[in-house]
């Protein structure tokens, strides 16, 4: 086909096993790619055809083929919740770590609440603490999407792993776990056990000893929202300037998880409200993405820069508009953020229109967004909305454009040619 689809690809896509077997016996390549690099295994995994997946793998298909979007067959099966397909793929030891798209298969399954698949992936060895391109774990993704069964399962697994690690790997004295670099104080801080932390600190535990990924007791206390623990660690001299290997600071994780009281303590202790992660995301950026308007308000009141830009060219307002967080947009607009074309070639109005967030579209237009502005693809926000079938957004923007045009026409006509009531002045 013009798109590169082969006979074996279409047979796999439609679940025709007997046809596929004939083609393979005739010498068809089980890994022949479409132009987007999708293979017969990839498409059959997406479609949920476990019998086709099994057949292709038995004929030597590569289990970790990657489409142009960075997704593997296991990723697509996990994303779609095809547990039987996942079962077949796992027999061939596919990659479980971060893929070229910045996600893991566990993140994909958690995003859509596929608990059976989540359990399969964890049993196969998926790292439940692995973070994706947005620095989120699978559990955080599940909680964000309100898949509480997945969230609770992952948190129980994490707790069990931590308890096992504590009992089997950490000596009774205050030594670190060689595998992770964690200390008893780290675990006390993570669990919010202030009394235990005091005993350890009094016995000489180093307050800023970090794990191999850079996490300090203060960081994990902030992550869990343990206010009293944060107070204890700060009073013992914990540094607010230490970061994870990806550059995430204590104030970043507090902002990400919506812990206002913790954040206020950190800012009072001298934490920089604009300290960036390595991808240039700030606490304000992540709180805007997560929809934490109370955090956004607090950071802005403490001087956070409203137009900070992540490496992908998106500002806090862009992310809030993209996600449809109207309350966050309300807080950000008070500080006069940029409404024009951003380094990513888009405007915040385009982002809101793309996903049909009408309340946010109205906020942005009221704030002065140019409804006729074109993006990097030469499209207006209205055209984007129509393209995505968000007709309420499209109609609203077209009405606004029409009103602006009428107003412009009216104001440009000499007063002598305008009517006054029922009488035309000539």
Protein backbone atom coordinates (compact mmCIF):
# COMPACT_ATOMS: atom_id res chain seq x y z
CA UNK A 1 0.00 0.00 0.00
CA UNK A 2 1.08 3.66 -0.34
CA UNK A 3 1.49 3.85 3.44
CA UNK A 4 3.80 0.84 3.38
CA UNK A 5 1.28 -1.67 4.73
CA UNK A 6 2.08 -5.21 3.53
CA UNK A 7 -0.28 -8.17 3.08
CA UNK A 8 0.99 -9.64 6.35
CA UNK A 9 0.39 -6.31 8.09
CA UNK A 10 -3.26 -6.16 7.02
CA UNK A 11 -3.77 -9.85 7.89
CA UNK A 12 -2.35 -9.19 11.35
CA UNK A 13 -4.44 -6.06 11.78
CA UNK A 14 -7.66 -7.91 10.98
CA UNK A 15 -6.83 -11.02 13.00
CA UNK A 16 -6.65 -13.48 10.09
CA UNK A 17 -4.31 -16.11 11.49
CA UNK A 18 -4.60 -18.69 8.70
CA UNK A 19 -3.88 -16.05 6.06
CA UNK A 20 -0.90 -14.81 8.06
CA UNK A 21 0.52 -18.32 8.40
CA UNK A 22 0.29 -18.83 4.63
CA UNK A 23 2.10 -15.54 4.00
CA UNK A 24 4.87 -16.33 6.47
CA UNK A 25 5.30 -19.77 4.96
CA UNK A 26 5.67 -18.07 1.56
CA UNK A 27 8.55 -15.97 2.89
CA UNK A 28 6.80 -12.81 4.12
CA UNK A 29 8.88 -10.81 6.58
CA UNK A 30 7.19 -10.83 10.02
CA UNK A 31 8.90 -7.50 10.81
CA UNK A 32 8.15 -5.62 7.57
CA UNK A 33 7.33 -2.04 8.59
CA UNK A 34 4.75 0.44 7.45
CA UNK A 35 6.09 3.95 6.72
CA UNK A 36 5.40 4.93 10.35
CA UNK A 37 7.58 1.95 11.41
CA UNK A 38 4.63 -0.04 12.73
CA UNK A 39 5.14 -3.81 12.28
CA UNK A 40 2.55 -6.60 12.05
CA UNK A 41 3.32 -7.38 15.72
CA UNK A 42 2.77 -3.74 16.69
CA UNK A 43 -0.63 -3.50 14.99
CA UNK A 44 -1.82 -6.86 16.28
CA UNK A 45 -0.85 -5.87 19.82
CA UNK A 46 -2.82 -2.64 19.46
CA UNK A 47 -5.85 -4.49 18.10
CA UNK A 48 -5.78 -7.06 20.91
CA UNK A 49 -5.22 -10.10 18.66
CA UNK A 50 -3.31 -12.33 21.08
CA UNK A 51 -3.44 -15.30 18.67
CA UNK A 52 -1.74 -13.18 15.99
CA UNK A 53 0.84 -11.88 18.46
CA UNK A 54 1.65 -15.45 19.48
CA UNK A 55 2.00 -16.56 15.86
CA UNK A 56 4.28 -13.67 14.89
CA UNK A 57 6.52 -14.15 17.90
CA UNK A 58 6.81 -17.86 17.13
CA UNK A 59 7.95 -16.85 13.64
CA UNK A 60 10.71 -14.60 14.96
CA UNK A 61 9.03 -11.17 15.09
CA UNK A 62 11.03 -8.63 17.10
CA UNK A 63 9.21 -8.03 20.39
CA UNK A 64 10.54 -4.48 20.90
CA UNK A 65 9.85 -2.91 17.50
CA UNK A 66 9.23 0.82 17.92
CA UNK A 67 6.82 2.98 15.93
CA UNK A 68 7.74 6.59 15.12
CA UNK A 69 5.89 7.77 18.23
CA UNK A 70 8.25 5.74 20.45
CA UNK A 71 5.72 3.05 21.40
CA UNK A 72 6.45 -0.69 21.40
CA UNK A 73 3.92 -3.53 21.01
CA UNK A 74 3.89 -4.01 24.80
CA UNK A 75 3.28 -0.30 25.33
CA UNK A 76 0.25 -0.34 23.01
CA UNK A 77 -1.15 -3.50 24.56
CA UNK A 78 -0.69 -1.99 28.03
CA UNK A 79 -2.26 1.28 26.92
CA UNK A 80 -5.28 -0.57 25.50
CA UNK A 81 -5.59 -3.00 28.43
CA UNK A 82 -5.15 -6.14 26.33
CA UNK A 83 -4.11 -8.48 29.13
CA UNK A 84 -3.94 -11.60 26.93
CA UNK A 85 -1.62 -9.83 24.51
CA UNK A 86 0.55 -8.60 27.37
CA UNK A 87 0.77 -12.19 28.60
CA UNK A 88 2.11 -13.37 25.23
CA UNK A 89 4.57 -10.50 24.86
CA UNK A 90 6.03 -10.91 28.35
CA UNK A 91 7.16 -14.43 27.45
CA UNK A 92 9.73 -12.83 25.14
CA UNK A 93 11.27 -10.46 27.75
CA UNK A 94 10.33 -7.09 26.24
CA UNK A 95 11.73 -3.80 27.54
CA UNK A 96 9.99 -2.57 30.68
CA UNK A 97 11.94 0.66 31.22
CA UNK A 98 11.49 4.14 29.80
CA UNK A 99 10.83 4.07 26.06
CA UNK A 100 11.73 6.70 23.42
CA UNK A 101 8.35 8.37 24.08
CA UNK A 102 9.42 9.13 27.66
CA UNK A 103 6.98 6.68 29.22
CA UNK A 104 6.95 3.09 30.47
CA UNK A 105 4.41 0.39 29.80
CA UNK A 106 3.43 0.60 33.47
CA UNK A 107 2.66 4.29 33.06
CA UNK A 108 0.50 3.49 30.02
CA UNK A 109 -1.53 0.86 31.87
CA UNK A 110 -1.87 3.08 34.95
CA UNK A 111 -3.01 6.09 32.92
CA UNK A 112 -6.09 4.20 31.76
CA UNK A 113 -6.69 2.19 34.94
CA UNK A 114 -5.95 -1.28 33.56
CA UNK A 115 -5.32 -3.03 36.89
CA UNK A 116 -4.88 -6.59 35.49
CA UNK A 117 -2.18 -5.32 33.13
CA UNK A 118 -0.55 -3.30 35.90
CA UNK A 119 -0.30 -6.48 37.98
CA UNK A 120 1.21 -8.39 35.04
CA UNK A 121 3.85 -5.73 34.47
CA UNK A 122 4.79 -5.46 38.14
CA UNK A 123 5.06 -9.26 38.38
CA UNK A 124 7.35 -9.18 35.31
CA UNK A 125 9.71 -6.75 37.03
CA UNK A 126 8.52 -3.26 36.10
CA UNK A 127 10.03 -0.63 38.38
CA UNK A 128 7.10 0.96 40.22
CA UNK A 129 9.29 3.91 41.24
CA UNK A 130 10.34 4.75 37.67
CA UNK A 131 9.43 8.29 36.67
CA UNK A 132 8.27 9.34 33.22
CA UNK A 133 9.17 12.42 31.18
CA UNK A 134 6.98 14.54 33.47
CA UNK A 135 8.74 13.17 36.58
CA UNK A 136 5.65 11.20 37.63
CA UNK A 137 5.49 7.62 38.86
CA UNK A 138 2.81 5.24 37.64
CA UNK A 139 1.06 5.56 41.02
CA UNK A 140 0.95 9.34 40.69
CA UNK A 141 -0.48 9.01 37.18
CA UNK A 142 -3.17 6.62 38.44
CA UNK A 143 -4.10 8.93 41.31
CA UNK A 144 -4.23 11.94 38.98
CA UNK A 145 -6.67 10.07 36.71
CA UNK A 146 -8.69 8.84 39.73
CA UNK A 147 -7.94 5.14 39.15
CA UNK A 148 -7.80 4.49 42.88
CA UNK A 149 -7.64 0.69 42.61
CA UNK A 150 -4.44 0.97 40.57
CA UNK A 151 -3.07 3.67 42.87
CA UNK A 152 -3.71 1.62 46.02
CA UNK A 153 -2.19 -1.51 44.49
CA UNK A 154 0.98 0.30 43.47
CA UNK A 155 1.31 2.05 46.82
CA UNK A 156 0.94 -1.28 48.64
CA UNK A 157 3.64 -2.77 46.42
CA UNK A 158 5.92 0.18 47.07
CA UNK A 159 5.32 -0.11 50.81
CA UNK A 160 6.07 -3.83 50.79
CA UNK A 161 9.28 -3.27 48.82
CA UNK A 162 10.35 -0.57 51.24
CA UNK A 163 9.66 -2.73 54.28
CA UNK A 164 11.55 -5.65 52.75
CA UNK A 165 14.47 -3.40 51.86
CA UNK A 166 14.52 -1.94 55.36
CA UNK A 167 14.45 -5.29 57.16
CA UNK A 168 16.81 -7.20 54.91
CA UNK A 169 19.31 -4.63 53.68
CA UNK A 170 19.83 -1.93 56.32
CA UNK A 171 22.13 -2.77 59.24
CA UNK A 172 20.98 -1.80 62.69
CA UNK A 173 23.47 1.03 62.84
CA UNK A 174 23.08 4.12 60.78
CA UNK A 175 24.66 2.81 57.61
CA UNK A 176 23.32 3.27 54.11
CA UNK A 177 21.76 0.64 51.91
CA UNK A 178 24.47 0.01 49.33
CA UNK A 179 21.90 -0.73 46.63
CA UNK A 180 19.98 2.53 46.96
CA UNK A 181 22.04 4.81 49.21
CA UNK A 182 19.11 5.18 51.60
CA UNK A 183 19.45 5.49 55.39
CA UNK A 184 17.16 4.83 58.36
CA UNK A 185 16.58 8.59 58.56
CA UNK A 186 15.47 8.54 54.93
CA UNK A 187 12.82 5.93 55.70
CA UNK A 188 11.72 7.68 58.87
CA UNK A 189 11.29 10.91 56.90
CA UNK A 190 9.47 9.13 54.11
CA UNK A 191 6.98 7.66 56.56
CA UNK A 192 6.62 10.84 58.65
CA UNK A 193 7.92 9.20 61.85
CA UNK A 194 9.14 12.31 63.66
CA UNK A 195 9.99 10.58 66.96
CA UNK A 196 12.24 8.07 65.20
CA UNK A 197 13.88 10.83 63.18
CA UNK A 198 14.68 12.74 66.38
CA UNK A 199 16.35 9.69 67.89
CA UNK A 200 18.41 9.14 64.75
CA UNK A 201 19.42 12.79 64.49
CA UNK A 202 20.37 12.87 68.17
CA UNK A 203 22.50 9.77 67.59
CA UNK A 204 24.39 11.58 64.83
CA UNK A 205 22.54 10.74 61.63
CA UNK A 206 23.56 13.02 58.76
CA UNK A 207 20.52 15.12 57.87
CA UNK A 208 21.37 15.58 54.17
CA UNK A 209 22.65 12.11 53.24
CA UNK A 210 21.09 11.39 49.86
CA UNK A 211 20.10 8.23 48.03
CA UNK A 212 21.69 7.26 44.74
CA UNK A 213 19.05 9.21 42.83
CA UNK A 214 19.72 12.31 44.92
CA UNK A 215 16.77 12.07 47.29
CA UNK A 216 17.36 13.42 50.79
CA UNK A 217 15.24 12.91 53.91
CA UNK A 218 13.87 16.42 53.38
CA UNK A 219 12.91 15.64 49.78
CA UNK A 220 10.90 12.52 50.66
CA UNK A 221 9.29 14.26 53.64
CA UNK A 222 8.16 17.02 51.27
CA UNK A 223 6.98 14.44 48.78
CA UNK A 224 4.74 12.87 51.39
CA UNK A 225 3.46 16.16 52.76
CA UNK A 226 4.77 15.46 56.28
CA UNK A 227 4.69 18.99 57.70
CA UNK A 228 6.03 18.17 61.17
CA UNK A 229 8.84 16.10 59.69
CA UNK A 230 9.80 18.95 57.37
CA UNK A 231 9.88 21.31 60.36
CA UNK A 232 12.11 18.87 62.27
CA UNK A 233 14.55 18.42 59.41
CA UNK A 234 14.76 22.14 58.67
CA UNK A 235 15.41 22.89 62.34
CA UNK A 236 18.21 20.30 62.19
CA UNK A 237 19.89 22.14 59.32
CA UNK A 238 18.53 20.29 56.27
CA UNK A 239 19.41 22.11 53.05
CA UNK A 240 16.62 23.35 50.80
CA UNK A 241 19.07 23.51 47.87
CA UNK A 242 19.73 19.79 47.38
CA UNK A 243 18.12 18.22 44.32
CA UNK A 244 17.39 14.88 42.72
CA UNK A 245 19.53 13.79 39.77
CA UNK A 246 16.94 15.30 37.43
CA UNK A 247 17.20 18.60 39.27
CA UNK A 248 13.90 18.34 41.15
CA UNK A 249 14.09 20.27 44.42
CA UNK A 250 12.10 19.85 47.66
CA UNK A 251 9.91 22.81 46.66
CA UNK A 252 9.34 21.26 43.24
CA UNK A 253 8.01 18.01 44.69
CA UNK A 254 5.92 19.86 47.27
CA UNK A 255 4.38 21.94 44.47
CA UNK A 256 3.84 18.89 42.28
CA UNK A 257 1.96 17.04 45.01
CA UNK A 258 -0.05 20.04 46.19
CA UNK A 259 1.42 20.34 49.70
CA UNK A 260 0.93 24.04 50.41
CA UNK A 261 1.97 24.03 54.09
CA UNK A 262 5.19 22.23 53.23
CA UNK A 263 5.88 24.64 50.40
CA UNK A 264 5.38 27.66 52.64
CA UNK A 265 7.89 26.23 55.15
CA UNK A 266 10.46 25.73 52.40
CA UNK A 267 10.02 29.21 50.97
CA UNK A 268 10.34 30.70 54.45
CA UNK A 269 13.60 28.75 54.81
CA UNK A 270 15.00 30.38 51.68
CA UNK A 271 13.99 27.96 48.93
CA UNK A 272 14.00 29.54 45.45
CA UNK A 273 10.44 29.61 44.02
CA UNK A 274 11.92 29.51 40.51
CA UNK A 275 14.49 26.72 40.95
CA UNK A 276 14.41 24.68 37.76
CA UNK A 277 14.57 20.99 37.07
CA UNK A 278 17.03 20.01 34.32
CA UNK A 279 14.22 20.28 31.75
CA UNK A 280 13.71 23.89 32.99
CA UNK A 281 10.37 23.12 34.61
CA UNK A 282 9.81 25.25 37.73
CA UNK A 283 7.56 24.64 40.76
CA UNK A 284 5.04 27.02 39.17
CA UNK A 285 5.14 25.09 35.89
CA UNK A 286 4.48 21.72 37.51
CA UNK A 287 1.76 23.03 39.82
CA UNK A 288 0.01 24.61 36.83
CA UNK A 289 0.14 21.30 34.98
CA UNK A 290 -1.22 19.41 37.98
CA UNK A 291 -4.08 21.84 38.51
CA UNK A 292 -3.04 23.01 41.97
CA UNK A 293 -4.41 26.55 41.94
CA UNK A 294 -3.65 27.04 45.66
CA UNK A 295 0.01 26.24 44.98
CA UNK A 296 0.10 28.49 41.91
CA UNK A 297 -1.32 31.34 43.98
CA UNK A 298 1.23 30.79 46.76
CA UNK A 299 4.20 30.68 44.38
CA UNK A 300 3.13 33.80 42.52
CA UNK A 301 2.69 35.63 45.83
CA UNK A 302 6.29 34.65 46.64
CA UNK A 303 7.62 36.10 43.39
CA UNK A 304 7.64 33.12 41.02
CA UNK A 305 8.10 34.11 37.37
CA UNK A 306 4.80 33.67 35.59
CA UNK A 307 6.30 33.06 32.13
CA UNK A 308 8.93 30.42 32.92
CA UNK A 309 9.43 28.17 29.88
CA UNK A 310 10.19 24.45 29.90
CA UNK A 311 12.49 23.00 27.22
CA UNK A 312 9.47 22.14 25.08
CA UNK A 313 8.55 25.83 24.88
CA UNK A 314 5.50 25.64 27.15
CA UNK A 315 4.74 28.14 29.93
CA UNK A 316 2.64 27.53 33.07
CA UNK A 317 -0.34 29.21 31.40
CA UNK A 318 0.08 27.03 28.32
CA UNK A 319 0.01 23.84 30.41
CA UNK A 320 -2.97 24.99 32.47
CA UNK A 321 -4.81 25.90 29.25
CA UNK A 322 -3.87 22.58 27.66
CA UNK A 323 -5.17 20.67 30.69
CA UNK A 324 -8.29 22.79 31.13
CA UNK A 325 -7.47 23.96 34.66
CA UNK A 326 -9.68 27.05 34.71
CA UNK A 327 -8.94 27.92 38.35
CA UNK A 328 -5.21 27.86 37.64
CA UNK A 329 -5.68 30.00 34.54
CA UNK A 330 -7.61 32.49 36.68
CA UNK A 331 -4.68 32.83 39.10
CA UNK A 332 -2.05 33.10 36.35
CA UNK A 333 -3.92 35.75 34.40
CA UNK A 334 -3.70 38.09 37.39
CA UNK A 335 0.04 38.35 36.68
CA UNK A 336 -0.26 39.30 32.98
CA UNK A 337 1.38 36.27 31.36
CA UNK A 338 2.26 36.16 27.66
CA UNK A 339 -0.72 35.39 25.43
CA UNK A 340 1.05 35.43 22.07
CA UNK A 341 2.96 32.73 20.19
CA UNK A 342 5.33 30.83 22.48
CA UNK A 343 8.66 29.16 21.61
CA UNK A 344 6.72 25.95 20.82
CA UNK A 345 4.92 27.72 17.96
CA UNK A 346 1.54 27.73 19.70
CA UNK A 347 -0.53 30.08 21.85
CA UNK A 348 -2.38 29.25 25.05
CA UNK A 349 -5.63 29.81 23.14
CA UNK A 350 -4.60 27.15 20.64
CA UNK A 351 -3.86 24.74 23.50
CA UNK A 352 -7.27 25.27 25.12
CA UNK A 353 -9.07 25.05 21.76
CA UNK A 354 -7.27 21.85 20.79
CA UNK A 355 -8.81 20.01 23.73
CA UNK A 356 -12.16 21.79 23.78
CA UNK A 357 -11.80 23.62 27.09
CA UNK A 358 -14.46 26.28 26.49
CA UNK A 359 -14.28 27.94 29.96
CA UNK A 360 -10.54 28.45 29.51
CA UNK A 361 -11.01 29.71 25.96
CA UNK A 362 -13.42 32.34 27.30
CA UNK A 363 -10.95 33.35 30.01
CA UNK A 364 -8.13 33.77 27.51
CA UNK A 365 -10.24 35.77 25.05
CA UNK A 366 -11.44 38.03 27.87
CA UNK A 367 -7.80 38.54 28.87
CA UNK A 368 -6.92 39.77 25.39
CA UNK A 369 -5.84 36.71 23.40
CA UNK A 370 -5.83 37.36 19.68
CA UNK A 371 -8.39 34.99 18.20
CA UNK A 372 -6.94 35.55 14.71
CA UNK A 373 -3.40 34.56 15.71
CA UNK A 374 -2.08 31.63 13.69
CA UNK A 375 0.16 28.91 15.07
CA UNK A 376 3.20 27.22 13.55
CA UNK A 377 0.89 25.28 11.21
CA UNK A 378 -0.79 28.52 10.06
CA UNK A 379 -4.05 27.61 11.85
CA UNK A 380 -6.21 29.81 14.05
CA UNK A 381 -7.62 28.53 17.34
CA UNK A 382 -11.06 28.32 15.72
CA UNK A 383 -9.71 26.16 12.91
CA UNK A 384 -8.04 23.89 15.47
CA UNK A 385 -11.30 23.56 17.41
CA UNK A 386 -13.26 22.72 14.25
CA UNK A 387 -10.63 20.22 13.18
CA UNK A 388 -10.97 18.44 16.54
CA UNK A 389 -14.79 18.65 16.43
CA UNK A 390 -15.09 20.94 19.46
CA UNK A 391 -18.00 22.79 17.91
CA UNK A 392 -18.92 24.78 21.03
CA UNK A 393 -15.44 26.30 21.07
CA UNK A 394 -15.48 26.83 17.31
CA UNK A 395 -18.87 28.61 17.38
CA UNK A 396 -17.82 30.80 20.31
CA UNK A 397 -14.63 31.91 18.57
CA UNK A 398 -16.40 32.53 15.27
CA UNK A 399 -19.00 34.67 17.04
CA UNK A 400 -16.23 36.65 18.72
CA UNK A 401 -14.47 37.11 15.39
CA UNK A 402 -17.69 38.26 13.75
CA UNK A 403 -18.38 40.74 16.55
CA UNK A 404 -14.86 42.13 16.29
CA UNK A 405 -15.22 42.52 12.54
CA UNK A 406 -18.56 44.31 12.89
CA UNK A 407 -17.13 46.60 15.55
CA UNK A 408 -14.11 47.35 13.38
CA UNK A 409 -16.33 48.09 10.37
CA UNK A 410 -18.64 50.28 12.44
CA UNK A 411 -15.82 52.30 13.95
CA UNK A 412 -14.19 52.91 10.56
CA UNK A 413 -17.35 54.35 8.93
CA UNK A 414 -17.47 58.19 9.03
CA UNK A 415 -20.08 59.48 11.46
CA UNK A 416 -22.00 61.13 8.64
CA UNK A 417 -22.70 57.72 7.14
CA UNK A 418 -23.89 56.09 10.33
CA UNK A 419 -27.50 56.03 11.44
CA UNK A 420 -28.70 57.60 14.63
CA UNK A 421 -31.72 55.73 15.83
CA UNK A 422 -34.32 55.75 13.08
CA UNK A 423 -32.94 58.79 11.26
CA UNK A 424 -29.93 58.64 8.96
CA UNK A 425 -27.73 61.72 9.20
CA UNK A 426 -26.74 62.80 5.72
